Amino acid sequence: MQKLADSSCGALVPTVRGQQAFVPGLLPREMDLSPRLVWLLDRTTLAVGTLAGEGKNVQNTRLLIRPLLRREAVLSSRIEGTVASLSDVFSYEAGRGGSAVGDVREVVNYVEALEYGIERLNQLPISFRLINEMHTRLMAGVRGQDRHPSQFRRAQVWIGSPGSPIEYARFIPPPPEYLRDLFYDWERFANDETMYIPPLIRCGMMHYQIEAIHPYEDGNGRIGRLLITLILIASGVMPTPLLYMSAYFERQRQRYYFELLNLSITCDWERWLTYFLTGLLEECHDSRARIGRIQRLQEQYREILQGRRDSGSAFRLTDELFASPIITVSQAAEVLGMTRAGARRVLDRLLEAGIVHQDRRMRPQRFVAREILEALENPIDLPDA
C-alpha cells in the first residue's frame, strides 16, 4: 500500500517524536457519483426503505429493537477486542442490581449510550454536544474512563498494535490543536440542509471523517459506529433502529481498517462509498432475515401454546422472551404483574413446552430461550450484494 501524503483528502503535519500526523480535509459539499455507484446506491436505498417499512408493520417493535441493538453492541465492542457474548449481556441484565465488569460492562455501556442517543435525538440534532453526552456513558467505569471522556483529546494518539510506539503506528490522526475546527465542520456537514448529497452517501462520509479525526483519547471506534445508527435515524431513512453496521465490519475486521486507511491515502471516495453501501445492503438483508426468523419462531410458540390451551400469561411471557431471552422468576413476576409463585408456575409451563430451559449455574436462577438466542446469533446466508 502507498504511504500517506498530502492530497485533496488531507495533509501531513509534524507531531511528536519527529513523526507526521494526518489532518483530513474538510468534508466536500458536492460528490460526483459514477453510474456504478448510483446503481449501488439505488439498490441500497430500496433495501433500507423496505426494512424501514417492515419495521413500521411490526406490532411491538420493542421485541426487535432491544435484542438487535444488543447484538450491535456486542459486535461493535468485539472489534475493539472484547469477548463478551450476547448471552453474557442478557444474563447480566436478567440479574439486575449486580455490577457488570470487564468486557460485559463495555458492551452494556454501548447499549446505554446508543439508547440514550436515540432518545436524545428528540431534543438535539447530530452534534458535538450529543456525541459528548454519549461518550460519557460509553466510557463510564471501563477501560479509558480516566482518559477525559467527552472532551477533545489533549495529547497526540496513534493507531497500531497495542503498546507499540508512535514510530510503528499504522495511522496518526490530527494533533489536538486541529480537532475543534475539524469537528465543527463535521457538525455543520451533518446538519446542512442545502446539500444535494443523498443521506446514505452522507452517512458513509461522516463515518470515515469521525474515524479520521479521532477526537477522543479512547472510544473513537465505538462512537463512530454508534453514530451510523443515529445518522440514519436523524436523516429519516431508518426511523426504527433496525439497521446496524458492526456485523459487516467485524466479519472482515482487517478489511474495515484497510478501507478507512486507503481513503486517507488515495482520496478514493468511490471505493470507500462502494464498500460502505455494500455493507448497508448486506446488513439490510441480514436484519430482514433475522426478523423473519424471530417472527416464525413467535408464530411457532403461539401454536404450541394454543395446542396446550395455555393461559394468556404464558403468551405474554413468551412474547417478552423475544426482547429478553434470559429471564428470572422476579422479572417474570414483574412482567406479568403477579406473585413470584404465580410467575414460577407460568415458567414451569414454558419449560414443559420446551420454550425455555433452566440455567442453574447462576443466582438468581435464569430461564433461557435458547432458540431465540440462536435466531439472533447464528449467521445468515446472505445473497451477493
Protein backbone atom coordinates (compact mmCIF):
# COMPACT_ATOMS: atom_id res chain seq x y z
CA MET A 1 0.00 0.00 0.00
CA GLN A 2 1.10 3.58 -0.63
CA LYS A 3 2.06 5.79 2.26
CA LEU A 4 0.11 8.77 3.49
CA ALA A 5 0.95 12.03 1.73
CA ASP A 6 -0.53 15.46 1.13
CA SER A 7 -3.62 15.15 -1.08
CA SER A 8 -7.04 16.63 -1.67
CA CYS A 9 -8.22 14.45 1.24
CA GLY A 10 -5.80 15.85 3.79
CA ALA A 11 -2.29 16.91 4.70
CA LEU A 12 0.61 15.67 6.79
CA VAL A 13 1.76 17.89 9.65
CA PRO A 14 4.60 17.49 12.16
CA THR A 15 3.78 15.93 15.50
CA VAL A 16 5.60 14.33 18.42
CA ARG A 17 8.91 12.44 18.18
CA GLY A 18 9.61 13.58 14.64
CA GLN A 19 6.52 11.86 13.21
CA GLN A 20 3.85 13.20 10.89
CA ALA A 21 0.12 13.16 11.58
CA PHE A 22 -2.65 13.15 9.01
CA VAL A 23 -5.14 16.03 9.10
CA PRO A 24 -8.17 15.16 6.95
CA GLY A 25 -9.53 17.87 4.70
CA LEU A 26 -12.94 19.38 5.29
CA LEU A 27 -15.78 17.23 4.03
CA PRO A 28 -16.71 18.05 0.40
CA ARG A 29 -20.16 19.57 -0.08
CA GLU A 30 -20.52 18.03 -3.53
CA MET A 31 -19.91 14.44 -4.59
CA ASP A 32 -19.78 13.16 -8.18
CA LEU A 33 -21.18 9.64 -8.28
CA SER A 34 -20.25 7.21 -11.03
CA PRO A 35 -23.03 5.24 -12.78
CA ARG A 36 -21.91 2.11 -10.91
CA LEU A 37 -22.12 3.85 -7.55
CA VAL A 38 -25.52 5.35 -8.43
CA TRP A 39 -26.74 1.81 -9.25
CA LEU A 40 -25.46 0.50 -5.90
CA LEU A 41 -26.96 3.50 -4.07
CA ASP A 42 -30.33 2.80 -5.71
CA ARG A 43 -30.28 -0.87 -4.63
CA THR A 44 -29.22 0.04 -1.10
CA THR A 45 -31.78 2.83 -0.74
CA LEU A 46 -34.52 0.40 -1.83
CA ALA A 47 -33.31 -2.22 0.69
CA VAL A 48 -33.16 0.33 3.52
CA GLY A 49 -36.65 1.57 2.65
CA THR A 50 -38.01 -1.98 2.60
CA LEU A 51 -36.51 -2.71 6.01
CA ALA A 52 -37.85 0.57 7.39
CA GLY A 53 -41.32 -0.33 6.06
CA GLU A 54 -41.19 -3.74 7.72
CA GLY A 55 -40.27 -2.05 10.98
CA LYS A 56 -43.42 0.08 10.77
CA ASN A 57 -45.55 -3.02 10.26
CA VAL A 58 -44.30 -4.86 13.35
CA GLN A 59 -46.87 -4.66 16.15
CA ASN A 60 -44.38 -4.42 19.00
CA THR A 61 -41.07 -3.14 17.64
CA ARG A 62 -39.50 -3.35 21.11
CA LEU A 63 -39.35 -7.13 20.64
CA LEU A 64 -36.99 -6.50 17.70
CA ILE A 65 -35.17 -3.30 18.66
CA ARG A 66 -33.99 -4.45 22.06
CA PRO A 67 -32.21 -7.68 21.01
CA LEU A 68 -30.84 -6.29 17.71
CA LEU A 69 -29.40 -3.27 19.48
CA ARG A 70 -27.65 -5.54 21.97
CA ARG A 71 -26.27 -7.66 19.16
CA GLU A 72 -24.84 -4.50 17.61
CA ALA A 73 -23.24 -3.55 20.94
CA VAL A 74 -21.59 -6.97 21.25
CA LEU A 75 -20.17 -6.88 17.71
CA SER A 76 -19.00 -3.26 17.81
CA SER A 77 -17.23 -3.89 21.10
CA ARG A 78 -15.74 -7.12 19.73
CA ILE A 79 -13.94 -5.08 17.05
CA GLU A 80 -12.14 -3.41 19.95
CA GLY A 81 -11.12 -6.77 21.43
CA THR A 82 -13.88 -7.62 23.93
CA VAL A 83 -15.02 -11.24 24.23
CA ALA A 84 -18.46 -10.77 25.80
CA SER A 85 -21.32 -12.64 24.11
CA LEU A 86 -24.95 -11.72 23.59
CA SER A 87 -25.84 -14.33 26.22
CA ASP A 88 -23.47 -12.62 28.69
CA VAL A 89 -25.28 -9.31 28.19
CA PHE A 90 -28.79 -10.74 28.55
CA SER A 91 -27.69 -12.78 31.58
CA TYR A 92 -26.28 -9.66 33.24
CA GLU A 93 -29.48 -7.71 32.54
CA ALA A 94 -31.54 -10.59 33.92
CA GLY A 95 -29.55 -10.50 37.16
CA ARG A 96 -30.21 -6.77 37.74
CA GLY A 97 -28.60 -4.91 40.57
CA GLY A 98 -25.22 -6.55 40.13
CA SER A 99 -22.21 -4.71 38.74
CA ALA A 100 -21.10 -5.68 35.28
CA VAL A 101 -17.35 -5.98 34.98
CA GLY A 102 -14.78 -6.01 32.20
CA ASP A 103 -15.99 -6.76 28.72
CA VAL A 104 -19.66 -7.07 29.70
CA ARG A 105 -19.56 -3.58 31.21
CA GLU A 106 -18.16 -2.19 27.94
CA VAL A 107 -20.96 -3.78 25.94
CA VAL A 108 -23.64 -2.63 28.39
CA ASN A 109 -22.21 0.89 28.19
CA TYR A 110 -22.52 0.78 24.40
CA VAL A 111 -26.18 -0.22 24.75
CA GLU A 112 -26.82 2.59 27.23
CA ALA A 113 -25.00 5.18 25.09
CA LEU A 114 -26.91 4.23 21.94
CA GLU A 115 -30.30 4.09 23.69
CA TYR A 116 -29.54 7.47 25.26
CA GLY A 117 -28.55 8.93 21.88
CA ILE A 118 -31.69 7.67 20.16
CA GLU A 119 -33.86 9.20 22.88
CA ARG A 120 -31.86 12.44 22.90
CA LEU A 121 -32.44 12.95 19.17
CA ASN A 122 -35.87 14.22 20.21
CA GLN A 123 -34.15 17.26 21.73
CA LEU A 124 -30.80 17.59 19.91
CA PRO A 125 -29.54 17.26 16.35
CA ILE A 126 -26.44 15.24 15.50
CA SER A 127 -23.95 17.48 17.24
CA PHE A 128 -20.82 17.84 19.32
CA ARG A 129 -22.95 18.13 22.46
CA LEU A 130 -24.91 14.94 21.75
CA ILE A 131 -21.79 12.93 20.96
CA ASN A 132 -20.06 14.13 24.12
CA GLU A 133 -23.03 13.09 26.24
CA MET A 134 -22.99 9.65 24.64
CA HIS A 135 -19.22 9.34 25.07
CA THR A 136 -19.59 9.98 28.80
CA ARG A 137 -21.93 6.99 29.06
CA LEU A 138 -19.80 4.84 26.78
CA MET A 139 -16.68 5.25 28.93
CA ALA A 140 -18.21 5.15 32.43
CA GLY A 141 -16.47 2.58 34.64
CA VAL A 142 -14.46 0.86 31.88
CA ARG A 143 -11.02 0.98 30.30
CA GLY A 144 -10.31 4.57 29.32
CA GLN A 145 -12.60 6.13 31.93
CA ASP A 146 -9.61 8.14 33.16
CA ARG A 147 -8.83 9.49 29.68
CA HIS A 148 -11.05 12.57 29.76
CA PRO A 149 -14.39 11.25 28.46
CA SER A 150 -16.49 13.75 26.49
CA GLN A 151 -13.52 16.09 26.00
CA PHE A 152 -11.41 16.60 22.91
CA ARG A 153 -8.16 14.81 23.48
CA ARG A 154 -5.28 16.96 24.67
CA ALA A 155 -2.49 14.69 23.51
CA GLN A 156 -1.37 13.03 20.31
CA VAL A 157 -2.67 9.48 19.87
CA TRP A 158 -1.88 6.88 17.24
CA ILE A 159 -3.34 3.65 15.90
CA GLY A 160 -1.26 0.48 15.77
CA SER A 161 -0.54 -2.72 17.64
CA PRO A 162 -1.31 -2.47 21.38
CA GLY A 163 1.62 -0.94 23.22
CA SER A 164 3.59 -0.13 20.07
CA PRO A 165 5.36 3.26 19.89
CA ILE A 166 4.26 6.02 17.54
CA GLU A 167 7.14 5.17 15.19
CA TYR A 168 5.32 1.92 14.31
CA ALA A 169 1.83 3.43 14.05
CA ARG A 170 -0.47 2.39 11.24
CA PHE A 171 -2.18 5.78 11.34
CA ILE A 172 -1.55 9.01 13.28
CA PRO A 173 -4.67 11.22 13.48
CA PRO A 174 -4.54 15.03 13.75
CA PRO A 175 -2.74 16.77 16.62
CA PRO A 176 -5.11 18.17 19.27
CA GLU A 177 -4.99 21.77 18.02
CA TYR A 178 -6.78 20.78 14.78
CA LEU A 179 -9.70 18.96 16.39
CA ARG A 180 -12.11 21.77 17.13
CA ASP A 181 -12.20 23.18 13.60
CA LEU A 182 -12.46 19.70 12.07
CA PHE A 183 -15.25 18.64 14.37
CA TYR A 184 -17.24 21.81 13.89
CA ASP A 185 -17.02 21.32 10.12
CA TRP A 186 -18.27 17.74 10.64
CA GLU A 187 -21.17 19.07 12.71
CA ARG A 188 -22.08 21.66 10.07
CA PHE A 189 -21.93 18.97 7.39
CA ALA A 190 -24.26 16.76 9.43
CA ASN A 191 -26.91 19.46 9.63
CA ASP A 192 -26.52 21.27 6.30
CA GLU A 193 -29.90 21.00 4.57
CA THR A 194 -28.73 22.83 1.45
CA MET A 195 -26.54 19.96 0.16
CA TYR A 196 -27.69 17.56 -2.52
CA ILE A 197 -25.77 14.57 -1.18
CA PRO A 198 -28.01 11.50 -0.62
CA PRO A 199 -28.38 10.53 3.06
CA LEU A 200 -26.66 7.14 2.74
CA ILE A 201 -23.68 8.72 0.97
CA ARG A 202 -23.53 11.43 3.61
CA CYS A 203 -23.60 8.78 6.35
CA GLY A 204 -20.61 6.97 4.81
CA MET A 205 -18.67 10.23 4.52
CA MET A 206 -19.39 11.18 8.11
CA HIS A 207 -18.33 7.78 9.44
CA TYR A 208 -14.97 7.99 7.69
CA GLN A 209 -14.39 11.55 8.87
CA ILE A 210 -15.11 10.89 12.56
CA GLU A 211 -12.71 7.93 12.47
CA ALA A 212 -10.02 10.03 10.75
CA ILE A 213 -10.44 12.91 13.21
CA HIS A 214 -10.30 10.55 16.21
CA PRO A 215 -11.50 13.27 18.61
CA TYR A 216 -11.18 11.38 21.91
CA GLU A 217 -8.35 9.66 23.71
CA ASP A 218 -10.33 6.41 23.74
CA GLY A 219 -13.62 5.01 22.45
CA ASN A 220 -13.43 6.59 18.97
CA GLY A 221 -14.20 3.43 17.01
CA ARG A 222 -17.29 2.62 19.05
CA ILE A 223 -18.55 6.21 18.86
CA GLY A 224 -18.04 6.22 15.09
CA ARG A 225 -20.00 3.01 14.58
CA LEU A 226 -22.70 4.02 17.04
CA LEU A 227 -23.19 7.25 15.11
CA ILE A 228 -24.08 5.37 11.92
CA THR A 229 -27.36 4.29 13.51
CA LEU A 230 -28.07 7.78 14.84
CA ILE A 231 -27.36 9.40 11.47
CA LEU A 232 -29.74 7.01 9.71
CA ILE A 233 -32.46 7.79 12.27
CA ALA A 234 -31.85 11.56 12.18
CA SER A 235 -31.94 11.62 8.37
CA GLY A 236 -35.33 9.89 8.37
CA VAL A 237 -34.25 6.94 6.21
CA MET A 238 -34.46 4.40 9.08
CA PRO A 239 -36.80 5.81 11.77
CA THR A 240 -36.84 2.50 13.66
CA PRO A 241 -33.33 1.39 14.73
CA LEU A 242 -33.20 -1.97 12.96
CA LEU A 243 -30.08 -1.46 10.81
CA TYR A 244 -26.57 -1.72 12.22
CA MET A 245 -23.15 -1.99 10.56
CA SER A 246 -20.80 -3.56 13.12
CA ALA A 247 -21.51 -7.12 11.99
CA TYR A 248 -20.30 -6.19 8.49
CA PHE A 249 -17.16 -4.52 9.82
CA GLU A 250 -16.46 -7.34 12.28
CA ARG A 251 -16.77 -10.12 9.68
CA GLN A 252 -13.67 -8.76 7.92
CA ARG A 253 -12.09 -6.56 10.52
CA GLN A 254 -8.79 -6.02 8.71
CA ARG A 255 -10.66 -5.05 5.52
CA TYR A 256 -12.52 -2.39 7.51
CA TYR A 257 -9.25 -0.92 8.78
CA PHE A 258 -7.74 -1.13 5.30
CA GLU A 259 -10.61 0.73 3.63
CA LEU A 260 -10.51 3.56 6.16
CA LEU A 261 -6.76 3.96 5.73
CA ASN A 262 -6.93 3.59 1.97
CA LEU A 263 -9.30 6.56 1.69
CA SER A 264 -6.85 8.73 3.65
CA ILE A 265 -4.03 7.64 1.33
CA THR A 266 -5.77 7.71 -2.06
CA CYS A 267 -8.78 10.01 -1.56
CA ASP A 268 -10.75 7.37 -3.44
CA TRP A 269 -14.23 8.21 -2.23
CA GLU A 270 -15.72 5.91 -4.86
CA ARG A 271 -14.03 2.86 -3.36
CA TRP A 272 -14.90 3.76 0.24
CA LEU A 273 -18.55 4.52 -0.57
CA THR A 274 -18.86 1.29 -2.56
CA TYR A 275 -17.55 -0.61 0.48
CA PHE A 276 -19.86 1.27 2.86
CA LEU A 277 -23.02 0.93 0.74
CA THR A 278 -22.31 -2.76 0.18
CA GLY A 279 -22.23 -3.13 3.97
CA LEU A 280 -25.55 -1.34 4.38
CA LEU A 281 -27.07 -3.55 1.70
CA GLU A 282 -25.77 -6.77 3.29
CA GLU A 283 -26.94 -5.74 6.74
CA CYS A 284 -30.40 -4.87 5.40
CA HIS A 285 -30.65 -8.43 4.10
CA ASP A 286 -29.33 -9.76 7.41
CA SER A 287 -31.78 -7.74 9.52
CA ARG A 288 -34.75 -8.76 7.36
CA ALA A 289 -33.74 -12.43 7.54
CA ARG A 290 -33.24 -12.24 11.31
CA ILE A 291 -36.60 -10.52 11.76
CA GLY A 292 -38.17 -13.29 9.68
CA ARG A 293 -36.55 -15.94 11.90
CA ILE A 294 -37.88 -14.23 15.01
CA GLN A 295 -41.40 -13.86 13.61
CA ARG A 296 -41.54 -17.51 12.51
CA LEU A 297 -40.38 -18.59 15.95
CA GLN A 298 -43.02 -16.39 17.56
CA GLU A 299 -45.72 -18.00 15.43
CA GLN A 300 -44.39 -21.47 16.27
CA TYR A 301 -44.52 -20.75 20.00
CA ARG A 302 -48.07 -19.40 19.74
CA GLU A 303 -49.16 -22.57 18.00
CA ILE A 304 -47.56 -24.67 20.76
CA LEU A 305 -49.27 -22.66 23.50
CA GLN A 306 -52.63 -22.75 21.71
CA GLY A 307 -52.34 -26.52 21.36
CA ARG A 308 -51.68 -26.79 25.09
CA ARG A 309 -54.53 -24.38 25.88
CA ASP A 310 -52.17 -22.26 27.94
CA SER A 311 -53.17 -19.08 29.70
CA GLY A 312 -52.82 -15.52 28.44
CA SER A 313 -49.96 -15.13 30.92
CA ALA A 314 -47.97 -17.80 29.08
CA PHE A 315 -48.48 -15.93 25.79
CA ARG A 316 -47.45 -12.61 27.35
CA LEU A 317 -44.34 -14.04 28.93
CA THR A 318 -43.37 -15.82 25.72
CA ASP A 319 -43.60 -12.53 23.82
CA GLU A 320 -41.39 -10.89 26.45
CA LEU A 321 -38.72 -13.53 25.83
CA PHE A 322 -38.14 -12.10 22.35
CA ALA A 323 -37.00 -8.85 23.98
CA SER A 324 -35.24 -10.57 26.92
CA PRO A 325 -34.35 -14.20 26.05
CA ILE A 326 -32.87 -14.74 29.52
CA ILE A 327 -35.22 -14.08 32.43
CA THR A 328 -35.56 -14.68 36.17
CA VAL A 329 -38.63 -15.50 38.24
CA SER A 330 -38.63 -11.96 39.64
CA GLN A 331 -38.57 -10.45 36.16
CA ALA A 332 -41.37 -12.77 35.04
CA ALA A 333 -43.45 -11.72 38.06
CA GLU A 334 -42.88 -8.05 37.17
CA VAL A 335 -43.83 -8.56 33.52
CA LEU A 336 -46.99 -10.49 34.42
CA GLY A 337 -47.97 -8.39 37.42
CA MET A 338 -48.30 -11.42 39.70
CA THR A 339 -46.54 -13.07 42.61
CA ARG A 340 -43.25 -14.93 42.23
CA ALA A 341 -45.09 -18.19 42.89
CA GLY A 342 -47.57 -17.45 40.11
CA ALA A 343 -44.79 -16.44 37.72
CA ARG A 344 -42.88 -19.62 38.55
CA ARG A 345 -45.91 -21.68 37.56
CA VAL A 346 -46.06 -19.91 34.19
CA LEU A 347 -42.31 -20.51 33.68
CA ASP A 348 -42.83 -24.18 34.51
CA ARG A 349 -45.42 -24.35 31.73
CA LEU A 350 -42.91 -22.84 29.30
CA LEU A 351 -40.32 -25.37 30.49
CA GLU A 352 -42.73 -28.20 29.76
CA ALA A 353 -43.38 -26.74 26.30
CA GLY A 354 -39.63 -26.57 25.56
CA ILE A 355 -39.71 -22.81 25.06
CA VAL A 356 -37.25 -22.12 27.89
CA HIS A 357 -34.56 -24.11 29.67
CA GLN A 358 -33.20 -23.64 33.17
CA ASP A 359 -29.68 -22.39 33.79
CA ARG A 360 -28.92 -23.41 37.39
CA ARG A 361 -25.33 -22.13 37.39
CA MET A 362 -26.13 -18.57 38.46
CA ARG A 363 -28.08 -16.88 41.20
CA PRO A 364 -30.75 -15.77 40.78
CA GLN A 365 -31.55 -18.72 38.56
CA ARG A 366 -32.06 -17.87 34.89
CA PHE A 367 -34.50 -19.27 32.35
CA VAL A 368 -33.08 -19.22 28.83
CA ALA A 369 -34.91 -19.17 25.50
CA ARG A 370 -32.11 -20.82 23.52
CA GLU A 371 -33.85 -20.84 20.15
CA ILE A 372 -34.37 -17.09 20.33
CA LEU A 373 -30.70 -16.53 21.15
CA GLU A 374 -29.73 -18.77 18.23
CA ALA A 375 -32.01 -16.80 15.90
CA LEU A 376 -30.15 -13.65 16.93
CA GLU A 377 -26.63 -15.06 16.96
CA ASN A 378 -26.36 -17.67 14.21
CA PRO A 379 -25.03 -16.50 10.83
CA ILE A 380 -27.36 -15.67 7.96
CA ASP A 381 -26.67 -16.85 4.40
CA LEU A 382 -26.55 -13.52 2.60
CA PRO A 383 -27.24 -13.04 -1.12
CA ASP A 384 -24.49 -11.44 -3.18
CA ALA A 385 -24.75 -7.69 -2.62
